Amino acid sequence: MIALVTGCSKDFLNQDPKAATETRHAIKDLAGLRAAINGVYSLMQNENYYGRAMLLLPDLRGDNEYISVLNSNRYRNLDQFIVTANDQYITDSWNQLYAVVANANMIIQKGPAVILAPSVADSTEAVEIVAEAYAVRGLVFFDIARLYAQAYNYTPDASHMGIPLATTTDVDVVQSPSRSSIKDTYAQIIRDLNESIRLFNDSKSTAFNSGRINLYSARALLARVLLYKGDWEGAEVAASQVISSNKYSLLATDKVVSDFNQTGNSETIFEIINTPVDNRSTDALSFMFSQTGYGDVLATDDIRGIYNDKDVRLGFLKRDKRAGNGGENPANIITKYKDVTTFAESIKVMRLAELYLIRAEALARLGREEDARQALNNIVLRANPGTAPVTAGGKALLDTIALERRKELAFEGHRLFDLARTGTPFVKYLASNRTITVALPGPKIILPIPQRELDANPNIRHQQNEGYN
C-alpha cells in the first residue's frame, strides 16, 4: 500500500538513499531502535492522527460538536456527512496511520536481533521497545478499524469487512493486502496487545512514562479493545488489573479542569506528548477550538445540557460569543484543549477514568450490578461530590454508564465509536439549527476507503464501504 513506503519528514523510513543508510540497515543496534521508536511516537503527533483528527472526528461526527456557520472550510463535509472517497482529510489520515504501522513493523522485525545484545541492560531496553511497537501497532489497527470499518457486532458473526492487516514491512515491495474480516482484525489487535504484555512481563520492565506505552497502558488498551468486542469478562479483568496496580489515581475534584492538560498528571495512562519545540501551530487540535485560532468547532447545546450546574466538567465549556462577525452568539466554546501560544498540550489517549467506566460497563453487562455501581460512582462523585450515588439497575444502569461516558470523555475522541458499538441512533447537530437523524446500525458513520488506495491496491478495489460506491 502507498502508506507503507512513504512517511513524513520525521519518519526514519523516509531517508534519502544518497545521504543515509539504507532503510533495511537502519535498525542494527540499540541506538537505532531508540531512534525508531521515537520516530513512531513522532508520527502519532501528526494532525492527521492524534494531533487532531483522532480526537476531533468522533465527537464532530457524533452529537457533541458541530462546525460553526463562520468557519475556515475545514472538515465541513465530514461534519455534514457528505464526505466522499476523494476527501483529502480521510486520505491523509489513512496514510498517516499506515505509516505508523509501517514503522512499528520495522521495529518488530529488526528488534529481535538487537535483543541479543551482550549487555543485560541493553537487551532489556530492546525488549521493552519491541513491546511498545506491538502495542502501538495494535492501537493503530484498532483506530483504523474504528474509523473505516463497522463495529464488531455489526454482523452476528463479525464476518463483515475489517481492514487490511499489513503486519510486515518491506520497502522494496509494494504490499497489497485485502481487507480482513472484522473478526480477524480484532484477533490481530488482541494478539499484538497480548504479545506486548508478554514482552513487558518477560523483560521485568519498570518503565513508567505517560508518553511511552508500558505494561499498564498496554493492559488498559486491551481492556478498551475487549469492551468494543463485547468480551465483558476480559475487559473487566484487564481494566481491574490497571486500577488495582495503584500506578494511577483520579485527579481530585478541584483539579479535574485545572490539571487535565498537565503532562503526566496522576490519572493519565497514555498520552501523546507535545512540547513547545514540536509546535503543531495552526494544525493543533486547540486551534480548531480556540476563538483566537480558527475556532470553527463548537459544542452542541445538547451536550452542554447533560451536565448538572455543579458538575466540575462543565468547566471544559465556556458560554461565549463565536469570534468574528456573523458567528453564533451565544456559543459553547470548548476549552479542554486551548493552548494556542506554545502548543505544548499533550493529547490524552487513555485516562484512569475510562478504565473505571470500562469496568463499570463490563460488570453491569455481566450482571454484577453492585460492583458496577461502585466503579461508576468513583467517576460520578468525583465530578460532583454533592450528588446522590447511582442506585439504578438493569437497562437504566447501562444507560447511566453510557451517559457518564459521554460526560467524562467528551471531546476526547470517543462519542461516535460509543454510539456505533452500542447501536444507538442519534441526532447530528449542524449550524443554524439544522439536524441530521442518523439511524444505527447503518452505513453513514464510517469513513470511505480512500479512492487513492482503491486505485493503488487491486485487492481492495471492490471492497469499498457501503454507501460510497
Protein backbone atom coordinates (compact mmCIF):
# COMPACT_ATOMS: atom_id res chain seq x y z
CA MET A 1 0.00 0.00 0.00
CA ILE A 2 1.11 3.56 -0.68
CA ALA A 3 1.34 4.43 3.01
CA LEU A 4 3.73 1.57 3.71
CA VAL A 5 6.51 3.06 1.64
CA THR A 6 6.01 6.72 2.50
CA GLY A 7 6.16 8.84 5.60
CA CYS A 8 6.82 12.38 6.76
CA SER A 9 9.94 14.42 7.38
CA LYS A 10 10.44 12.80 10.79
CA ASP A 11 9.87 9.26 9.50
CA PHE A 12 13.01 7.17 9.82
CA LEU A 13 11.88 5.18 6.77
CA ASN A 14 11.80 8.31 4.63
CA GLN A 15 15.51 8.76 4.00
CA ASP A 16 17.45 9.97 1.01
CA PRO A 17 19.37 6.84 -0.08
CA LYS A 18 22.25 9.03 -1.26
CA ALA A 19 22.67 10.62 2.15
CA ALA A 20 21.51 8.00 4.63
CA THR A 21 21.91 4.37 5.48
CA GLU A 22 19.55 2.08 3.61
CA THR A 23 16.33 1.55 5.49
CA ARG A 24 16.87 -2.18 5.81
CA HIS A 25 20.03 -1.46 7.81
CA ALA A 26 18.68 1.48 9.84
CA ILE A 27 17.88 -0.62 12.91
CA LYS A 28 21.06 -2.53 13.70
CA ASP A 29 21.72 -1.62 17.33
CA LEU A 30 20.04 -0.16 20.40
CA ALA A 31 20.63 3.41 19.24
CA GLY A 32 18.81 2.66 16.01
CA LEU A 33 15.98 1.00 17.88
CA ARG A 34 15.64 4.04 20.17
CA ALA A 35 15.54 6.36 17.17
CA ALA A 36 12.94 4.17 15.53
CA ILE A 37 10.50 4.13 18.46
CA ASN A 38 10.92 7.88 18.90
CA GLY A 39 10.04 8.22 15.22
CA VAL A 40 6.87 6.19 15.78
CA TYR A 41 5.66 8.47 18.56
CA SER A 42 6.58 11.49 16.46
CA LEU A 43 4.36 10.23 13.64
CA MET A 44 1.49 9.87 16.10
CA GLN A 45 1.69 13.63 16.85
CA ASN A 46 0.62 14.47 13.31
CA GLU A 47 -2.64 16.38 12.81
CA ASN A 48 -4.00 13.50 10.75
CA TYR A 49 -3.74 11.22 13.77
CA TYR A 50 -3.62 12.07 17.49
CA GLY A 51 -2.51 15.62 16.81
CA ARG A 52 -6.07 16.47 15.76
CA ALA A 53 -8.18 14.10 13.66
CA MET A 54 -8.42 11.12 16.03
CA LEU A 55 -9.90 13.23 18.79
CA LEU A 56 -11.87 15.63 16.61
CA LEU A 57 -13.74 13.39 14.17
CA PRO A 58 -15.57 11.04 16.58
CA ASP A 59 -17.08 13.96 18.50
CA LEU A 60 -17.69 16.13 15.44
CA ARG A 61 -19.48 13.32 13.60
CA GLY A 62 -21.46 12.43 16.71
CA ASP A 63 -23.73 14.68 18.73
CA ASN A 64 -21.10 16.56 20.75
CA GLU A 65 -19.74 19.08 18.22
CA TYR A 66 -20.51 20.91 15.00
CA ILE A 67 -18.80 23.30 12.59
CA SER A 68 -19.74 26.94 13.14
CA VAL A 69 -21.61 28.88 10.50
CA LEU A 70 -18.47 31.03 10.43
CA ASN A 71 -15.64 28.65 9.54
CA SER A 72 -12.32 28.17 7.75
CA ASN A 73 -13.79 25.46 5.48
CA ARG A 74 -12.07 22.64 7.38
CA TYR A 75 -13.92 19.33 7.97
CA ARG A 76 -17.23 20.70 6.68
CA ASN A 77 -18.03 17.65 4.56
CA LEU A 78 -17.27 15.35 7.47
CA ASP A 79 -19.49 17.44 9.73
CA GLN A 80 -22.39 17.20 7.27
CA PHE A 81 -21.96 13.51 6.40
CA ILE A 82 -21.30 14.26 2.72
CA VAL A 83 -17.72 13.00 2.66
CA THR A 84 -16.50 11.17 -0.46
CA ALA A 85 -13.68 8.70 -1.13
CA ASN A 86 -11.62 11.56 -2.57
CA ASP A 87 -11.73 13.62 0.63
CA GLN A 88 -8.22 14.78 1.49
CA TYR A 89 -8.71 14.52 5.25
CA ILE A 90 -9.72 10.87 5.21
CA THR A 91 -6.95 10.08 2.72
CA ASP A 92 -4.30 11.81 4.81
CA SER A 93 -5.43 10.04 7.98
CA TRP A 94 -5.39 6.64 6.28
CA ASN A 95 -1.87 7.25 5.00
CA GLN A 96 -0.64 8.59 8.33
CA LEU A 97 -1.97 5.68 10.34
CA TYR A 98 -0.48 3.12 7.98
CA ALA A 99 2.83 4.98 8.07
CA VAL A 100 2.83 4.41 11.84
CA VAL A 101 2.10 0.74 11.21
CA ALA A 102 5.00 0.51 8.77
CA ASN A 103 7.40 1.97 11.28
CA ALA A 104 6.17 -0.27 14.09
CA ASN A 105 6.59 -3.27 11.78
CA MET A 106 10.23 -2.40 11.19
CA ILE A 107 10.89 -2.38 14.95
CA ILE A 108 9.10 -5.71 15.37
CA GLN A 109 11.08 -7.22 12.51
CA LYS A 110 14.51 -5.83 13.38
CA GLY A 111 14.21 -5.72 17.16
CA PRO A 112 14.88 -9.40 17.93
CA ALA A 113 18.43 -9.12 16.59
CA VAL A 114 19.11 -6.17 18.90
CA ILE A 115 17.61 -8.05 21.86
CA LEU A 116 20.57 -10.46 21.60
CA ALA A 117 22.90 -7.67 22.75
CA PRO A 118 25.52 -8.86 25.26
CA SER A 119 24.58 -6.22 27.86
CA VAL A 120 21.64 -7.26 30.04
CA ALA A 121 20.51 -3.65 30.38
CA ASP A 122 20.65 -3.10 26.61
CA SER A 123 18.79 -6.34 25.97
CA THR A 124 16.06 -5.40 28.46
CA GLU A 125 15.59 -2.00 26.87
CA ALA A 126 15.41 -3.56 23.43
CA VAL A 127 12.69 -5.95 24.59
CA GLU A 128 10.75 -3.01 26.03
CA ILE A 129 10.96 -1.12 22.73
CA VAL A 130 9.70 -4.11 20.76
CA ALA A 131 6.88 -4.45 23.30
CA GLU A 132 5.98 -0.82 22.69
CA ALA A 133 5.94 -1.40 18.93
CA TYR A 134 3.50 -4.30 19.28
CA ALA A 135 1.17 -2.20 21.42
CA VAL A 136 1.38 0.77 19.05
CA ARG A 137 0.56 -1.45 16.08
CA GLY A 138 -2.40 -2.91 17.94
CA LEU A 139 -3.64 0.56 18.82
CA VAL A 140 -3.28 1.84 15.26
CA PHE A 141 -5.05 -1.17 13.75
CA PHE A 142 -7.84 -0.59 16.28
CA ASP A 143 -8.09 3.09 15.36
CA ILE A 144 -8.17 2.32 11.62
CA ALA A 145 -10.91 -0.22 12.26
CA ARG A 146 -12.95 2.26 14.30
CA LEU A 147 -12.68 4.91 11.59
CA TYR A 148 -13.04 2.81 8.43
CA ALA A 149 -14.98 -0.31 9.45
CA GLN A 150 -18.25 -1.09 11.18
CA ALA A 151 -18.40 -2.07 14.85
CA TYR A 152 -17.55 -5.63 15.83
CA ASN A 153 -21.20 -6.56 16.40
CA TYR A 154 -22.44 -5.14 13.08
CA THR A 155 -22.95 -8.73 11.90
CA PRO A 156 -23.74 -11.60 14.30
CA ASP A 157 -20.53 -13.48 13.48
CA ALA A 158 -18.30 -10.43 12.88
CA SER A 159 -17.80 -11.56 9.28
CA HIS A 160 -18.13 -8.08 7.75
CA MET A 161 -15.12 -6.27 6.34
CA GLY A 162 -12.43 -5.04 8.68
CA ILE A 163 -9.16 -3.51 7.49
CA PRO A 164 -6.04 -4.53 5.52
CA LEU A 165 -3.66 -6.07 8.05
CA ALA A 166 -0.14 -5.17 6.99
CA THR A 167 1.95 -6.96 9.61
CA THR A 168 5.27 -6.83 7.77
CA THR A 169 7.09 -4.02 6.01
CA ASP A 170 9.39 -4.47 3.02
CA VAL A 171 10.38 -1.15 1.48
CA ASP A 172 11.34 -2.88 -1.76
CA VAL A 173 7.88 -4.35 -2.30
CA VAL A 174 4.50 -2.66 -2.70
CA GLN A 175 2.18 -4.58 -0.41
CA SER A 176 -1.44 -5.04 -1.43
CA PRO A 177 -3.36 -6.88 1.31
CA SER A 178 -7.10 -7.26 1.00
CA ARG A 179 -9.45 -6.34 3.82
CA SER A 180 -9.67 -8.95 6.57
CA SER A 181 -12.95 -9.63 8.35
CA ILE A 182 -13.53 -7.56 11.47
CA LYS A 183 -13.26 -10.81 13.46
CA ASP A 184 -9.75 -11.39 12.12
CA THR A 185 -8.92 -7.70 12.54
CA TYR A 186 -9.76 -7.81 16.24
CA ALA A 187 -7.91 -11.11 16.63
CA GLN A 188 -4.75 -9.44 15.28
CA ILE A 189 -5.19 -6.40 17.53
CA ILE A 190 -5.59 -8.60 20.60
CA ARG A 191 -2.58 -10.73 19.60
CA ASP A 192 -0.45 -7.61 19.30
CA LEU A 193 -1.51 -6.27 22.69
CA ASN A 194 -1.06 -9.64 24.39
CA GLU A 195 2.40 -10.01 22.84
CA SER A 196 3.25 -6.55 24.11
CA ILE A 197 2.13 -7.51 27.61
CA ARG A 198 4.12 -10.76 27.45
CA LEU A 199 7.29 -8.96 26.40
CA PHE A 200 6.92 -6.33 29.10
CA ASN A 201 6.47 -9.10 31.67
CA ASP A 202 9.42 -11.12 30.32
CA SER A 203 11.67 -8.09 30.48
CA LYS A 204 10.56 -7.35 34.07
CA SER A 205 10.24 -3.80 32.80
CA THR A 206 9.89 -1.00 35.32
CA ALA A 207 9.45 1.62 32.60
CA PHE A 208 6.80 4.15 33.56
CA ASN A 209 6.24 7.20 31.40
CA SER A 210 2.89 8.59 30.29
CA GLY A 211 4.33 9.42 26.88
CA ARG A 212 5.53 5.87 26.22
CA ILE A 213 3.47 2.69 26.27
CA ASN A 214 4.30 0.45 29.23
CA LEU A 215 2.86 -2.72 30.76
CA TYR A 216 -0.07 -0.87 32.33
CA SER A 217 -1.02 1.17 29.28
CA ALA A 218 -0.87 -1.96 27.12
CA ARG A 219 -3.31 -3.64 29.52
CA ALA A 220 -5.50 -0.55 29.50
CA LEU A 221 -5.65 -0.56 25.71
CA LEU A 222 -6.52 -4.27 25.79
CA ALA A 223 -9.40 -3.52 28.18
CA ARG A 224 -10.73 -0.94 25.70
CA VAL A 225 -10.50 -3.33 22.75
CA LEU A 226 -12.18 -6.18 24.65
CA LEU A 227 -15.03 -3.85 25.65
CA TYR A 228 -15.59 -2.95 22.00
CA LYS A 229 -15.53 -6.64 21.10
CA GLY A 230 -18.10 -7.45 23.78
CA ASP A 231 -15.75 -9.65 25.80
CA TRP A 232 -17.06 -8.41 29.13
CA GLU A 233 -15.07 -10.84 31.28
CA GLY A 234 -11.81 -9.99 29.56
CA ALA A 235 -12.49 -6.25 29.64
CA GLU A 236 -13.27 -6.35 33.35
CA VAL A 237 -10.14 -8.33 34.21
CA ALA A 238 -7.82 -6.09 32.16
CA ALA A 239 -9.36 -2.87 33.50
CA SER A 240 -9.25 -4.11 37.09
CA GLN A 241 -5.57 -5.07 36.74
CA VAL A 242 -4.71 -1.50 35.81
CA ILE A 243 -6.90 0.05 38.51
CA SER A 244 -5.59 -2.25 41.25
CA SER A 245 -1.96 -1.63 40.26
CA ASN A 246 -2.26 1.73 42.08
CA LYS A 247 0.06 3.26 39.50
CA TYR A 248 -2.57 5.89 38.73
CA SER A 249 -5.07 7.90 40.76
CA LEU A 250 -8.03 10.03 39.77
CA LEU A 251 -7.45 13.76 39.88
CA ALA A 252 -9.17 15.45 42.80
CA THR A 253 -12.45 17.20 42.06
CA ASP A 254 -10.89 20.65 42.20
CA LYS A 255 -8.09 19.55 39.84
CA VAL A 256 -10.18 17.92 37.10
CA VAL A 257 -10.18 21.01 34.91
CA SER A 258 -7.01 22.79 36.02
CA ASP A 259 -4.71 19.74 35.80
CA PHE A 260 -6.27 17.96 32.82
CA ASN A 261 -3.66 19.26 30.38
CA GLN A 262 -0.75 18.73 32.74
CA THR A 263 1.66 16.26 31.16
CA GLY A 264 1.98 13.14 33.30
CA ASN A 265 -0.85 14.01 35.67
CA SER A 266 -1.83 11.27 38.10
CA GLU A 267 -4.62 9.74 36.01
CA THR A 268 -3.03 9.83 32.56
CA ILE A 269 -2.22 6.30 31.40
CA PHE A 270 -1.01 7.17 27.89
CA GLU A 271 -0.71 10.48 26.07
CA ILE A 272 0.97 11.91 23.01
CA ILE A 273 3.34 14.48 24.47
CA ASN A 274 3.77 17.78 22.68
CA THR A 275 6.47 20.26 23.66
CA PRO A 276 6.97 23.86 22.52
CA VAL A 277 9.66 22.51 20.20
CA ASP A 278 7.12 20.23 18.49
CA ASN A 279 4.77 23.21 17.97
CA ARG A 280 1.84 21.90 15.89
CA SER A 281 0.85 25.57 15.38
CA THR A 282 -2.31 26.07 13.30
CA ASP A 283 -2.62 22.30 12.79
CA ALA A 284 -3.09 21.71 16.53
CA LEU A 285 -6.37 20.45 17.92
CA SER A 286 -6.58 23.52 20.16
CA PHE A 287 -6.58 25.81 17.13
CA MET A 288 -9.89 24.28 15.99
CA PHE A 289 -11.49 25.19 19.34
CA SER A 290 -9.86 28.45 20.42
CA GLN A 291 -11.55 31.67 19.39
CA THR A 292 -8.10 33.19 18.89
CA GLY A 293 -7.41 30.36 16.44
CA TYR A 294 -9.80 29.03 13.80
CA GLY A 295 -12.46 28.47 16.46
CA ASP A 296 -14.54 26.51 13.94
CA VAL A 297 -15.64 23.66 16.21
CA LEU A 298 -18.30 24.37 18.82
CA ALA A 299 -20.04 22.15 21.35
CA THR A 300 -23.72 21.41 20.84
CA ASP A 301 -26.40 22.67 23.19
CA ASP A 302 -27.32 19.01 23.57
CA ILE A 303 -24.08 18.06 25.30
CA ARG A 304 -23.96 21.20 27.40
CA GLY A 305 -27.41 20.31 28.67
CA ILE A 306 -26.39 16.93 30.10
CA TYR A 307 -24.22 18.46 32.84
CA ASN A 308 -25.55 19.45 36.24
CA ASP A 309 -24.65 23.03 37.14
CA LYS A 310 -22.38 21.73 39.91
CA ASP A 311 -20.57 19.21 37.71
CA VAL A 312 -16.95 20.37 37.55
CA ARG A 313 -16.65 19.06 34.00
CA LEU A 314 -18.85 21.90 32.85
CA GLY A 315 -15.63 23.88 33.27
CA PHE A 316 -14.44 22.46 29.94
CA LEU A 317 -17.13 24.57 28.24
CA LYS A 318 -17.45 28.34 28.14
CA ARG A 319 -20.61 30.14 27.13
CA ASP A 320 -19.37 32.98 24.95
CA LYS A 321 -19.60 34.61 21.54
CA ARG A 322 -18.11 32.98 18.47
CA ALA A 323 -15.27 35.24 17.32
CA GLY A 324 -15.83 37.25 14.15
CA ASN A 325 -18.84 38.85 12.57
CA GLY A 326 -21.88 36.68 11.99
CA GLY A 327 -20.90 33.81 14.26
CA GLU A 328 -23.04 32.09 16.89
CA ASN A 329 -23.93 34.21 19.91
CA PRO A 330 -24.04 32.68 22.42
CA ALA A 331 -21.86 29.70 21.57
CA ASN A 332 -20.49 26.78 23.56
CA ILE A 333 -16.72 27.20 23.36
CA ILE A 334 -14.71 24.02 24.05
CA THR A 335 -11.78 24.70 26.38
CA LYS A 336 -10.47 21.17 27.04
CA TYR A 337 -7.57 21.94 24.70
CA LYS A 338 -6.86 25.64 24.48
CA ASP A 339 -3.11 26.38 24.21
CA VAL A 340 -2.56 28.36 21.01
CA THR A 341 0.61 30.01 22.28
CA THR A 342 3.16 27.24 22.93
CA PHE A 343 1.01 24.33 21.63
CA ALA A 344 2.57 22.21 24.36
CA GLU A 345 -0.62 20.44 25.44
CA SER A 346 -0.28 16.66 25.50
CA ILE A 347 -3.09 14.67 23.90
CA LYS A 348 -4.75 12.24 26.29
CA VAL A 349 -5.19 8.83 24.66
CA MET A 350 -6.24 6.94 27.79
CA ARG A 351 -7.04 8.02 31.34
CA LEU A 352 -7.83 6.11 34.52
CA ALA A 353 -11.37 7.49 34.44
CA GLU A 354 -12.02 5.49 31.28
CA LEU A 355 -10.83 2.31 33.00
CA TYR A 356 -13.39 2.79 35.77
CA LEU A 357 -16.08 3.29 33.12
CA ILE A 358 -14.94 0.19 31.21
CA ARG A 359 -15.05 -1.81 34.42
CA ALA A 360 -18.49 -0.45 35.28
CA GLU A 361 -19.97 -1.34 31.89
CA ALA A 362 -18.40 -4.78 31.77
CA LEU A 363 -19.63 -5.61 35.27
CA ALA A 364 -23.12 -4.33 34.52
CA ARG A 365 -23.34 -6.49 31.40
CA LEU A 366 -22.18 -9.47 33.48
CA GLY A 367 -24.98 -8.85 35.97
CA ARG A 368 -22.65 -7.77 38.78
CA GLU A 369 -24.58 -4.57 39.31
CA GLU A 370 -23.41 -3.62 42.80
CA ASP A 371 -19.76 -3.81 41.71
CA ALA A 372 -20.67 -1.88 38.55
CA ARG A 373 -22.27 0.92 40.55
CA GLN A 374 -19.24 1.10 42.82
CA ALA A 375 -16.92 1.55 39.83
CA LEU A 376 -19.24 4.08 38.24
CA ASN A 377 -19.67 6.15 41.39
CA ASN A 378 -15.92 6.78 41.51
CA ILE A 379 -16.44 8.97 38.44
CA VAL A 380 -19.90 10.35 39.25
CA LEU A 381 -18.97 11.51 42.75
CA ARG A 382 -15.58 12.83 41.66
CA ALA A 383 -17.33 15.16 39.20
CA ASN A 384 -19.99 16.29 41.67
CA PRO A 385 -19.39 15.23 45.28
CA GLY A 386 -22.76 16.60 46.36
CA THR A 387 -24.82 14.43 44.03
CA ALA A 388 -26.54 11.20 45.04
CA PRO A 389 -24.71 7.94 44.24
CA VAL A 390 -26.08 5.90 41.34
CA THR A 391 -28.55 3.25 42.52
CA ALA A 392 -30.08 2.22 39.15
CA GLY A 393 -30.08 -1.35 37.87
CA GLY A 394 -30.81 -3.17 34.62
CA LYS A 395 -31.10 -1.10 31.46
CA ALA A 396 -31.24 2.11 33.50
CA LEU A 397 -27.78 1.32 34.87
CA LEU A 398 -26.36 0.76 31.39
CA ASP A 399 -27.97 4.00 30.22
CA THR A 400 -26.41 5.83 33.16
CA ILE A 401 -22.98 4.40 32.34
CA ALA A 402 -23.36 5.47 28.71
CA LEU A 403 -24.34 8.97 29.80
CA GLU A 404 -21.39 9.14 32.18
CA ARG A 405 -19.02 8.07 29.40
CA ARG A 406 -20.35 10.92 27.29
CA LYS A 407 -19.84 13.42 30.12
CA GLU A 408 -16.40 12.24 31.18
CA LEU A 409 -14.85 11.54 27.77
CA ALA A 410 -16.36 14.46 25.86
CA PHE A 411 -14.08 15.98 23.20
CA GLU A 412 -11.53 13.17 23.60
CA GLY A 413 -12.49 11.11 20.55
CA HIS A 414 -14.96 8.51 21.88
CA ARG A 415 -18.52 9.59 21.22
CA LEU A 416 -19.27 8.26 17.70
CA PHE A 417 -17.50 5.00 18.48
CA ASP A 418 -19.65 4.50 21.59
CA LEU A 419 -22.80 5.19 19.60
CA ALA A 420 -21.68 2.74 16.92
CA ARG A 421 -20.76 -0.16 19.20
CA THR A 422 -24.00 0.17 21.17
CA GLY A 423 -26.16 0.71 18.06
CA THR A 424 -27.62 3.92 19.47
CA PRO A 425 -29.35 6.21 16.89
CA PHE A 426 -28.63 9.89 17.35
CA VAL A 427 -29.24 13.39 16.05
CA LYS A 428 -26.30 15.09 14.36
CA TYR A 429 -26.48 18.81 15.07
CA LEU A 430 -25.33 21.35 12.49
CA ALA A 431 -25.02 25.13 12.38
CA SER A 432 -28.15 27.26 12.00
CA ASN A 433 -30.28 24.75 13.95
CA ARG A 434 -30.15 22.14 11.20
CA THR A 435 -30.04 18.45 12.10
CA ILE A 436 -29.45 15.03 10.56
CA THR A 437 -31.07 11.94 12.04
CA VAL A 438 -28.59 9.07 11.98
CA ALA A 439 -30.01 5.55 12.22
CA LEU A 440 -27.82 2.84 13.71
CA PRO A 441 -26.63 0.38 12.74
CA GLY A 442 -26.13 1.98 9.35
CA PRO A 443 -23.53 2.92 6.75
CA LYS A 444 -23.21 6.66 7.41
CA ILE A 445 -20.96 6.62 10.42
CA ILE A 446 -17.81 5.05 8.97
CA LEU A 447 -15.43 6.69 6.54
CA PRO A 448 -14.85 5.53 2.97
CA ILE A 449 -11.68 3.74 1.98
CA PRO A 450 -9.69 6.47 0.17
CA GLN A 451 -10.02 6.36 -3.60
CA ARG A 452 -6.25 6.59 -3.99
CA GLU A 453 -5.91 3.38 -2.01
CA LEU A 454 -8.56 1.62 -4.08
CA ASP A 455 -6.76 2.69 -7.25
CA ALA A 456 -3.36 1.55 -5.97
CA ASN A 457 -4.39 -1.76 -4.42
CA PRO A 458 -6.26 -4.15 -6.73
CA ASN A 459 -7.08 -6.46 -3.84
CA ILE A 460 -9.40 -3.96 -2.17
CA ARG A 461 -10.68 -2.26 -5.31
CA HIS A 462 -14.08 -3.87 -4.86
CA GLN A 463 -14.11 -3.64 -1.06
CA GLN A 464 -15.34 -0.08 -0.62
CA ASN A 465 -17.64 0.62 2.30
CA GLU A 466 -21.37 0.62 1.72
CA GLY A 467 -22.74 3.93 0.52
CA TYR A 468 -19.51 5.12 -1.11
CA ASN A 469 -19.54 3.03 -4.30
